[in-house]
Protein backbone atom coordinates (compact mmCIF):
# COMPACT_ATOMS: atom_id res chain seq x y z
CA MET A 1 50.32 263.98 59.61
CA ASN A 2 53.33 264.08 61.46
CA SER A 3 56.84 262.78 60.19
CA GLU A 4 56.06 259.07 61.79
CA GLY A 5 52.74 259.04 60.15
CA ALA A 6 50.53 259.63 63.07
CA VAL A 7 47.26 262.08 62.79
CA ALA A 8 47.70 264.98 64.68
CA THR A 9 45.04 266.37 66.75
CA VAL A 10 43.69 269.62 64.84
CA ARG A 11 41.50 270.94 67.69
CA PRO A 12 41.54 271.03 71.50
CA PRO A 13 40.06 267.94 73.09
CA ALA A 14 36.39 267.53 72.78
CA SER A 15 35.73 268.56 76.21
CA LYS A 16 37.25 272.17 76.06
CA ARG A 17 35.28 272.50 72.63
CA ASP A 18 31.88 271.66 74.34
CA ASN A 19 32.72 273.80 77.13
CA ALA A 20 33.39 276.45 74.68
CA ALA A 21 30.38 275.91 72.67
CA LEU A 22 28.35 276.04 76.19
CA ARG A 23 29.79 279.46 77.32
CA GLY A 24 28.51 280.95 74.03
CA LEU A 25 31.69 281.68 72.43
CA ARG A 26 32.20 281.93 68.88
CA ILE A 27 32.50 279.28 66.58
CA HIS A 28 35.04 279.54 63.87
CA PRO A 29 34.76 276.33 61.34
CA HIS A 30 37.60 275.34 59.47
CA SER A 31 37.15 275.38 55.53
CA VAL A 32 37.00 271.83 54.14
CA THR A 33 36.82 270.99 50.33
CA GLY A 34 35.16 267.81 49.21
CA TRP A 35 31.84 266.59 47.48
CA PHE A 36 29.37 268.10 49.85
CA ALA A 37 31.23 271.56 50.01
CA SER A 38 30.81 271.54 46.48
CA TRP A 39 27.33 271.18 46.55
CA ARG A 40 27.11 273.78 49.28
CA VAL A 41 28.86 276.22 47.06
CA ALA A 42 26.76 275.35 44.24
CA LEU A 43 23.56 275.98 46.29
CA VAL A 44 24.67 279.05 47.27
CA VAL A 45 25.52 280.27 43.71
CA ILE A 46 22.10 279.35 42.41
CA THR A 47 19.97 280.82 45.21
CA GLN A 48 21.62 283.96 45.02
CA LEU A 49 21.93 284.16 41.55
CA VAL A 50 18.17 283.77 41.91
CA PHE A 51 17.53 286.38 44.73
CA TYR A 52 19.73 289.23 43.17
CA GLY A 53 18.62 288.60 39.55
CA VAL A 54 15.10 287.85 39.58
CA PRO A 55 14.20 291.59 40.59
CA TRP A 56 15.76 292.66 37.44
CA LEU A 57 13.81 290.56 34.82
CA GLN A 58 11.37 292.24 32.95
CA TRP A 59 8.02 291.25 31.35
CA GLU A 60 6.29 293.19 28.61
CA GLY A 61 7.98 296.56 29.87
CA ARG A 62 7.33 295.78 33.61
CA GLN A 63 9.12 294.34 36.32
CA ALA A 64 8.60 290.47 36.08
CA VAL A 65 8.17 289.62 39.89
CA LEU A 66 6.99 292.57 42.04
CA PHE A 67 4.66 292.72 45.07
CA ASP A 68 3.40 296.26 44.64
CA LEU A 69 1.63 296.70 47.85
CA ALA A 70 0.88 300.53 47.45
CA ALA A 71 -1.29 299.32 44.36
CA ARG A 72 -2.46 296.17 45.69
CA LYS A 73 -1.11 294.31 42.71
CA PHE A 74 1.25 291.02 42.69
CA TYR A 75 3.13 290.42 39.49
CA LEU A 76 4.39 287.05 38.80
CA GLY A 77 5.64 286.85 35.12
CA PRO A 78 2.37 286.60 33.33
CA LEU A 79 0.26 286.58 36.44
CA VAL A 80 -1.34 289.65 37.84
CA LEU A 81 -2.69 288.68 41.55
CA TYR A 82 -4.87 290.83 43.62
CA PRO A 83 -5.89 290.82 47.42
CA GLN A 84 -8.99 288.73 46.25
CA ASP A 85 -6.64 286.12 45.09
CA PHE A 86 -5.35 285.38 48.71
CA ILE A 87 -6.27 281.75 48.21
CA TYR A 88 -3.33 281.23 45.96
CA LEU A 89 -0.98 282.36 48.68
CA THR A 90 -2.70 280.00 50.88
CA GLY A 91 -2.14 277.29 48.75
CA LEU A 92 1.40 278.17 47.92
CA LEU A 93 2.18 278.30 51.80
CA ILE A 94 0.38 274.85 52.15
CA THR A 95 2.64 273.55 49.25
CA CYS A 96 5.93 274.66 50.56
CA ALA A 97 5.02 273.10 54.15
CA LEU A 98 3.83 269.70 52.54
CA ALA A 99 7.19 269.82 50.43
CA LEU A 100 9.05 270.55 53.28
CA PHE A 101 7.16 267.41 55.21
CA VAL A 102 7.76 265.24 52.30
CA PHE A 103 11.71 266.16 51.74
CA THR A 104 12.25 266.13 55.61
CA ALA A 105 10.83 262.53 55.77
CA VAL A 106 13.09 261.36 52.93
CA ALA A 107 16.27 263.26 53.34
CA GLY A 108 16.37 264.81 56.83
CA ARG A 109 17.39 268.50 57.25
CA LEU A 110 19.16 268.75 53.76
CA TRP A 111 16.89 272.02 53.41
CA CYS A 112 18.64 273.38 56.35
CA GLY A 113 22.16 272.56 55.46
CA TYR A 114 22.20 273.70 51.79
CA ALA A 115 19.36 276.14 50.89
CA CYS A 116 17.73 277.75 54.19
CA PRO A 117 18.71 281.63 54.15
CA GLN A 118 20.22 281.53 57.30
CA THR A 119 22.55 278.74 56.32
CA VAL A 120 23.27 280.44 52.91
CA TYR A 121 24.16 283.78 54.19
CA THR A 122 26.12 282.45 57.20
CA GLU A 123 28.31 280.78 54.81
CA ILE A 124 28.91 283.55 52.44
CA PHE A 125 29.83 285.50 55.86
CA LEU A 126 32.24 283.11 56.61
CA TRP A 127 33.81 283.13 53.18
CA ILE A 128 34.42 286.90 53.43
CA GLU A 129 35.59 286.27 56.89
CA ARG A 130 37.96 283.52 56.03
CA ALA A 131 39.45 285.66 52.98
CA ILE A 132 40.05 288.51 55.27
CA GLU A 133 40.95 287.04 58.58
CA GLY A 134 42.28 283.56 57.52
CA ASP A 135 41.04 280.13 58.81
CA GLY A 136 39.74 278.75 61.65
CA PRO A 137 42.95 278.79 63.70
CA LYS A 138 44.07 282.44 62.20
CA GLN A 139 40.78 283.77 63.47
CA ARG A 140 40.98 282.41 67.02
CA ARG A 141 44.60 283.57 67.46
CA LEU A 142 43.17 287.02 66.17
CA ASP A 143 40.59 286.80 68.99
CA ALA A 144 43.18 286.17 71.43
CA ALA A 145 45.47 288.80 70.12
CA PRO A 146 45.12 292.46 71.79
CA TRP A 147 43.42 295.27 70.07
CA GLY A 148 45.95 297.49 68.02
CA PRO A 149 46.12 299.06 64.45
CA ARG A 150 46.28 295.64 62.72
CA LYS A 151 43.37 293.92 64.49
CA LEU A 152 41.30 297.26 64.10
CA ALA A 153 42.13 297.13 60.40
CA ILE A 154 41.52 293.17 60.04
CA ARG A 155 38.29 293.41 61.67
CA GLY A 156 37.08 296.68 60.57
CA GLY A 157 37.68 295.78 56.93
CA LYS A 158 35.49 292.70 57.59
CA HIS A 159 32.51 294.24 58.90
CA VAL A 160 32.69 296.90 56.10
CA VAL A 161 32.33 294.10 53.69
CA TRP A 162 29.70 292.37 55.71
CA LEU A 163 27.59 295.61 55.92
CA LEU A 164 27.91 296.51 52.14
CA LEU A 165 26.94 293.09 51.20
CA ALA A 166 23.89 293.14 54.02
CA LEU A 167 22.68 296.46 52.60
CA TRP A 168 22.70 295.51 49.19
CA THR A 169 20.60 292.40 50.29
CA GLY A 170 18.08 294.83 51.86
CA PHE A 171 18.10 296.73 48.78
CA THR A 172 17.36 293.72 46.63
CA PHE A 173 14.64 292.52 48.93
CA VAL A 174 12.89 295.81 49.01
CA GLY A 175 13.31 295.49 45.09
CA TYR A 176 10.53 292.95 45.34
CA PHE A 177 8.03 295.48 46.68
CA LEU A 178 9.06 298.43 44.96
CA PRO A 179 10.43 298.95 41.33
CA ILE A 180 14.18 298.29 41.81
CA HIS A 181 14.93 300.27 38.47
CA ALA A 182 13.41 303.52 40.43
CA MET A 183 15.30 302.46 43.42
CA THR A 184 18.66 302.22 41.25
CA ALA A 185 18.14 305.75 40.15
CA ALA A 186 18.20 307.19 43.61
CA ILE A 187 21.33 305.41 44.63
CA PRO A 188 23.77 308.28 43.66
CA THR A 189 21.88 310.79 45.68
CA LEU A 190 20.64 308.10 48.41
CA ASP A 191 17.13 309.71 48.00
CA PHE A 192 15.19 306.73 48.88
CA GLY A 193 12.46 308.11 51.07
CA SER A 194 10.61 306.01 53.19
CA GLU A 195 11.98 302.83 51.70
CA SER A 196 15.23 303.65 53.06
CA VAL A 197 14.00 302.35 56.56
CA ALA A 198 13.13 299.21 55.06
CA ILE A 199 16.32 298.76 53.43
CA LEU A 200 18.01 299.42 56.69
CA PHE A 201 16.02 297.06 58.50
CA TYR A 202 16.64 293.99 56.16
CA GLY A 203 20.27 295.09 55.54
CA PHE A 204 20.80 295.16 59.46
CA PHE A 205 19.27 291.71 60.28
CA THR A 206 21.07 290.09 57.48
CA TYR A 207 24.39 291.63 59.10
CA TYR A 208 23.46 290.49 62.55
CA ASN A 209 22.08 287.24 62.04
CA ALA A 210 24.83 285.84 59.38
CA GLY A 211 27.66 287.65 60.84
CA TRP A 212 26.87 287.63 64.54
CA LEU A 213 24.13 285.35 65.53
CA ARG A 214 25.03 282.57 62.79
CA GLU A 215 24.68 278.96 64.37
CA LYS A 216 22.79 280.31 67.38
CA ILE A 217 19.58 281.09 64.89
CA CYS A 218 19.69 277.23 64.13
CA LYS A 219 20.34 275.84 67.65
CA PHE A 220 18.28 278.16 69.64
CA MET A 221 15.60 279.95 67.58
CA CYS A 222 14.71 277.68 64.50
CA PRO A 223 11.27 276.14 65.17
CA TYR A 224 12.21 273.75 62.42
CA ALA A 225 14.74 272.00 64.53
CA ARG A 226 12.34 271.33 67.17
CA PHE A 227 9.39 269.72 65.18
CA GLN A 228 11.70 267.86 62.93
CA SER A 229 11.76 264.89 64.92
CA VAL A 230 7.91 264.27 64.25
CA MET A 231 8.80 263.69 60.65
CA PHE A 232 11.74 261.49 61.16
CA ASP A 233 11.91 257.81 61.42
CA ALA A 234 14.24 254.98 60.96
CA ASP A 235 14.38 255.41 57.42
CA THR A 236 15.04 259.02 57.21
CA LEU A 237 18.40 260.27 55.86
CA ILE A 238 20.50 261.77 58.15
CA VAL A 239 24.28 262.35 58.68
CA THR A 240 25.43 259.52 61.00
CA TYR A 241 28.60 258.23 62.46
CA ASP A 242 29.25 254.15 62.16
CA ALA A 243 30.18 253.87 65.83
CA ALA A 244 30.46 249.95 65.26
CA ARG A 245 33.13 250.63 62.96
CA GLY A 246 34.74 253.77 64.56
CA GLU A 247 34.90 252.66 68.25
CA PRO A 248 37.35 252.46 70.23
CA ARG A 249 38.57 255.46 68.71
CA GLY A 250 42.26 256.69 68.99
CA THR A 251 45.29 257.69 67.24
CA ARG A 252 47.61 255.36 65.13
CA ARG A 253 50.21 255.00 62.35
CA LYS A 254 49.12 255.26 58.82
CA GLY A 255 47.50 251.74 57.77
CA GLY A 256 48.05 250.53 61.73
CA ASN A 257 45.48 248.99 63.70
CA GLU A 258 46.68 248.47 67.11
CA GLY A 259 43.32 247.07 68.37
CA LEU A 260 41.41 250.55 67.69
CA GLY A 261 38.39 251.31 65.41
CA SER A 262 38.66 253.42 62.47
CA CYS A 263 38.17 256.92 64.10
CA VAL A 264 41.69 258.22 64.82
CA ASP A 265 39.89 261.17 67.20
CA CYS A 266 41.55 263.85 65.14
CA GLY A 267 38.52 266.11 65.77
CA PHE A 268 38.33 267.37 62.45
CA CYS A 269 34.80 266.52 62.14
CA VAL A 270 34.42 269.14 65.03
CA SER A 271 36.31 271.64 63.93
CA VAL A 272 34.37 272.10 60.48
CA CYS A 273 30.96 271.93 61.83
CA PRO A 274 29.29 275.15 61.69
CA THR A 275 27.25 274.49 64.76
CA GLY A 276 30.18 272.99 66.80
CA ILE A 277 28.58 269.50 67.63
CA ASP A 278 30.54 266.22 67.67
CA ILE A 279 28.37 264.00 65.34
CA ARG A 280 30.26 261.13 66.93
CA LYS A 281 27.81 261.27 69.92
CA GLY A 282 24.91 260.61 67.66
CA LEU A 283 22.14 262.48 66.19
CA GLN A 284 21.57 266.08 67.71
CA ILE A 285 19.03 268.76 67.47
CA ASP A 286 21.71 271.22 66.21
CA CYS A 287 22.86 269.03 63.33
CA ILE A 288 21.96 270.94 59.93
CA ALA A 289 22.85 268.09 57.84
CA CYS A 290 25.56 270.04 55.87
CA GLY A 291 27.67 267.42 55.31
CA ALA A 292 30.96 269.24 56.16
CA CYS A 293 32.01 266.49 58.73
CA ILE A 294 31.56 263.83 56.07
CA ASP A 295 34.19 265.58 53.79
CA ALA A 296 36.39 266.30 56.59
CA CYS A 297 36.39 262.59 58.01
CA ASP A 298 36.87 261.24 54.41
CA GLN A 299 39.88 263.36 54.03
CA VAL A 300 41.33 261.99 57.18
CA MET A 301 40.32 258.25 55.85
CA ASP A 302 42.14 258.61 52.48
CA ARG A 303 45.36 259.85 54.65
CA MET A 304 45.17 256.84 56.63
CA GLU A 305 44.60 254.64 53.94
CA MET A 306 41.19 253.40 55.11
CA PRO A 307 37.82 253.33 53.45
CA ARG A 308 35.59 256.26 53.50
CA GLY A 309 32.14 256.61 55.00
CA LEU A 310 33.01 256.57 58.99
CA ILE A 311 30.62 259.23 58.81
CA ARG A 312 28.19 259.56 56.05
CA TYR A 313 24.72 259.92 55.12
CA SER A 314 22.35 257.15 55.97
CA THR A 315 19.73 255.58 57.89
CA GLU A 316 19.18 254.64 61.50
CA ASN A 317 18.03 251.11 59.87
CA VAL A 318 21.15 250.74 57.57
CA ILE A 319 23.57 251.75 60.61
CA GLN A 320 21.76 249.00 62.60
CA GLY A 321 21.99 246.50 60.06
CA LYS A 322 18.61 246.12 59.34
CA ARG A 323 18.86 247.26 55.94
CA PRO A 324 21.62 246.44 53.42
CA ALA A 325 24.88 248.85 53.46
CA GLY A 326 24.31 251.57 50.94
CA ALA A 327 20.74 250.49 50.32
CA TRP A 328 19.11 253.65 52.21
CA TYR A 329 17.21 254.52 49.25
CA SER A 330 15.30 251.35 49.08
CA HIS A 331 12.39 252.40 51.27
CA ILE A 332 11.79 255.69 50.37
CA LEU A 333 8.33 254.87 49.37
CA ARG A 334 7.14 254.15 52.87
CA PRO A 335 3.43 255.21 53.96
CA ARG A 336 4.47 258.03 55.59
CA VAL A 337 6.07 259.44 52.45
CA ILE A 338 3.37 258.29 50.23
CA VAL A 339 0.84 260.06 52.26
CA TYR A 340 2.77 263.20 52.35
CA GLY A 341 3.27 263.06 48.69
CA LEU A 342 -0.41 262.38 47.82
CA VAL A 343 -1.52 265.28 49.70
CA LEU A 344 1.22 267.50 48.03
CA ALA A 345 0.22 266.42 44.74
CA THR A 346 -3.47 266.97 45.16
CA VAL A 347 -2.88 270.60 46.28
CA VAL A 348 -0.40 271.20 43.48
CA GLY A 349 -2.68 269.99 41.19
CA ALA A 350 -5.72 271.98 42.44
CA MET A 351 -3.36 275.18 42.28
CA VAL A 352 -2.61 274.24 38.78
CA PHE A 353 -5.92 273.92 37.63
CA ALA A 354 -7.31 277.03 39.37
CA LEU A 355 -4.74 279.21 38.00
CA ALA A 356 -5.14 277.69 34.50
CA SER A 357 -8.96 278.25 34.68
CA ARG A 358 -8.77 281.73 36.27
CA ASP A 359 -10.86 284.21 34.59
CA PRO A 360 -9.12 287.10 32.93
CA PHE A 361 -11.17 289.26 34.76
CA ARG A 362 -13.25 289.37 37.93
CA VAL A 363 -16.23 291.21 39.04
CA ASN A 364 -17.28 292.30 42.79
CA VAL A 365 -20.63 293.71 43.40
CA ILE A 366 -22.11 295.37 46.62
CA ARG A 367 -25.28 296.49 47.23
CA GLU A 368 -25.16 300.02 48.94
CA GLY A 369 -26.86 299.60 52.43
CA SER A 370 -27.19 303.36 52.92
CA VAL A 371 -29.53 303.96 50.14
CA LEU A 372 -31.54 300.78 50.15
CA SER A 373 -34.60 300.73 48.25
CA ARG A 374 -35.89 304.42 46.87
CA PRO A 375 -38.66 305.71 44.36
CA THR A 376 -37.72 307.30 41.04
CA ALA A 377 -39.65 310.19 39.05
CA ASP A 378 -41.10 307.47 37.14
CA GLY A 379 -42.82 305.63 39.93
CA ARG A 380 -40.35 302.70 39.80
CA ILE A 381 -38.14 301.18 42.86
CA GLU A 382 -34.36 301.51 42.29
CA ASN A 383 -31.38 299.91 44.57
CA LEU A 384 -27.81 301.07 44.20
CA TYR A 385 -25.07 298.91 43.66
CA ARG A 386 -21.29 299.59 43.46
CA VAL A 387 -19.72 297.04 40.71
CA LYS A 388 -16.07 296.69 40.64
CA VAL A 389 -14.53 295.06 37.36
CA PHE A 390 -10.70 293.89 37.70
CA ASN A 391 -8.93 293.67 34.30
CA MET A 392 -5.97 291.10 35.02
CA ASP A 393 -4.65 291.21 31.35
CA GLU A 394 -1.79 293.26 30.20
CA GLN A 395 -4.35 295.21 27.45
CA PRO A 396 -7.18 297.54 28.32
CA ARG A 397 -10.34 295.71 27.78
CA ARG A 398 -13.91 296.57 27.04
CA TYR A 399 -16.86 295.15 28.85
CA ARG A 400 -20.84 295.29 29.10
CA ILE A 401 -23.03 295.04 32.19
CA SER A 402 -26.47 293.54 32.49
CA ALA A 403 -28.83 292.29 34.96
CA GLU A 404 -31.72 289.69 35.15
CA GLY A 405 -33.60 288.02 37.68
CA LEU A 406 -36.84 289.95 38.14
CA PRO A 407 -39.51 291.00 35.63
CA SER A 408 -39.56 294.45 34.42
CA LEU A 409 -35.67 294.96 35.68
CA SER A 410 -33.98 297.69 34.12
CA ILE A 411 -30.30 298.95 34.64
CA ALA A 412 -28.91 302.30 34.60
CA ALA A 413 -25.03 302.68 34.97
CA LEU A 414 -23.22 305.93 35.01
CA GLY A 415 -20.87 306.36 32.09
CA GLY A 416 -23.09 303.64 30.26
CA ALA A 417 -23.65 299.86 30.40
CA GLU A 418 -20.61 299.46 28.26
CA PHE A 419 -17.01 300.62 29.34
CA GLU A 420 -13.43 300.21 29.33
CA VAL A 421 -11.20 299.12 32.23
CA PRO A 422 -7.21 299.65 31.78
CA ALA A 423 -4.71 297.12 31.62
CA VAL A 424 -3.97 295.52 34.95
CA GLY A 425 -6.33 297.97 36.44
CA TYR A 426 -10.07 298.04 37.67
CA ARG A 427 -12.90 300.41 37.36
CA THR A 428 -15.67 300.92 40.07
CA MET A 429 -19.22 301.85 38.64
CA GLU A 430 -22.52 303.08 40.28
CA VAL A 431 -24.96 301.07 38.89
CA TYR A 432 -28.80 301.14 39.24
CA LEU A 433 -31.33 298.39 39.24
CA ARG A 434 -34.93 299.52 38.80
CA VAL A 435 -38.53 297.48 39.08
CA ASP A 436 -42.05 298.26 38.37
CA PRO A 437 -43.27 297.91 41.90
CA ASN A 438 -46.67 296.70 40.49
CA VAL A 439 -45.52 293.48 38.97
CA VAL A 440 -42.85 292.60 41.81
CA ALA A 441 -43.83 291.61 45.28
CA LYS A 442 -42.14 293.23 48.46
CA GLY A 443 -39.14 291.74 49.93
CA THR A 444 -35.70 290.52 49.28
CA HIS A 445 -35.17 289.13 45.83
CA ASP A 446 -32.04 287.41 43.97
CA VAL A 447 -30.88 289.14 41.00
CA ARG A 448 -27.83 288.45 38.71
CA PHE A 449 -25.29 290.60 37.37
CA THR A 450 -23.41 289.46 33.99
CA VAL A 451 -20.28 291.34 32.67
CA VAL A 452 -19.21 290.25 29.24
CA SER A 453 -15.69 291.02 27.31
CA ARG A 454 -16.43 293.14 24.07
CA ASP A 455 -13.33 292.55 22.59
CA ASP A 456 -12.14 290.33 19.81
CA GLY A 457 -12.09 286.64 20.27
CA ALA A 458 -14.66 284.51 22.05
CA PRO A 459 -16.71 286.52 24.27
CA LEU A 460 -16.11 285.73 28.06
CA SER A 461 -18.48 286.60 30.84
CA VAL A 462 -18.38 286.62 34.59
CA VAL A 463 -21.87 286.27 36.63
CA GLU A 464 -22.31 287.67 40.13
CA LYS A 465 -25.24 287.25 42.42
CA SER A 466 -26.87 290.16 44.73
CA THR A 467 -30.43 290.72 46.02
CA PHE A 468 -32.98 293.48 45.31
CA LEU A 469 -34.61 294.94 48.33
CA LEU A 470 -38.31 296.15 47.86
CA ARG A 471 -40.19 297.65 50.49
């Protein structure tokens, strides 16, 4: 505000700003406070507490969340999954995709603006940059200043902090795949072994994406921005500028009208945008719906003693007067959202049921093809099988194996028909099935293996089918 109460322009004219963005110059958004800025801060804190904290959680003496690729075991709290449980990963990916469809159809790109890792880490790196270099105008002045000891110290200090945060992020990410306590013990000597490559790799991409590329990821590389229009309709919540109220725009005194709309053309909404767009030109593919322009415009409206909401979250139908003002939520349950929601509920229900009814152990049976059928010393015919029993419990368990399906069928297992499998482990056994060729016809016959738990409590059993070959 100047001494006479007019709003001063806080950015260069829009055409110059747009040309700078087109030339690929770095965007230095102003910091802004407000309702939506507070939500962004809260989401950054929550997501990073989860990301940095989860690897340190323990469950019954082990890391609670660990994707142990070397041992081919995936720990998720009380759940232990194996590569054979890939169907659950597929279900999780489908669930995430459907949830994104539902969320986007209702609320647009709020995921991009508040919870996307690229947005979150860009926001964190911007906080660090502002703390060291100052807000947007100071950063632009520093850009234009010649290199010298002061500029080198400021820029160097910023990049050191960025690199330290990026390396810790890479360290934490690798901690989801390797025991993080063991990695922590190696920090004093930096003797990480082969995992140091992964730490440096993910650390570098955090530093490069959040520190250098920033909004370019959202504008040019993210595929979500390209197909979001398929999920949008006139009732989708978006960040929108009320042109009917705002135009024609222009500066004026506080409380003045002067035949103009509510927009004072201060450019504050552009200067706070992390992707450098002008929301007054309408919804654009670069908009990540972060709400920074809403907070900025509301501050200006407060200073000019005009109602808030010139820029706000709304829908196309509300802006065009097809629905009552402020009633964007009145048509959430429209056919598109209902269909997405029903499919999502079905997939989630199937996943929950599958996990709840999942057997505490699993059996794989493979008939040894290189041996086929062969006679034994007593004149019987035998087939060799490799039986792998997976114990998904946190305690060692005992099991007993048997077979049926043919007359005169007998079973011989190396190590005995009753055996123990270690906790969260597996055991592979060589098992022979034998029959009397005088009572079984030649050919291929179906047989069944039954593995029964022998520990206290109600016995559990798993039946696996296979074939017996008699020549």
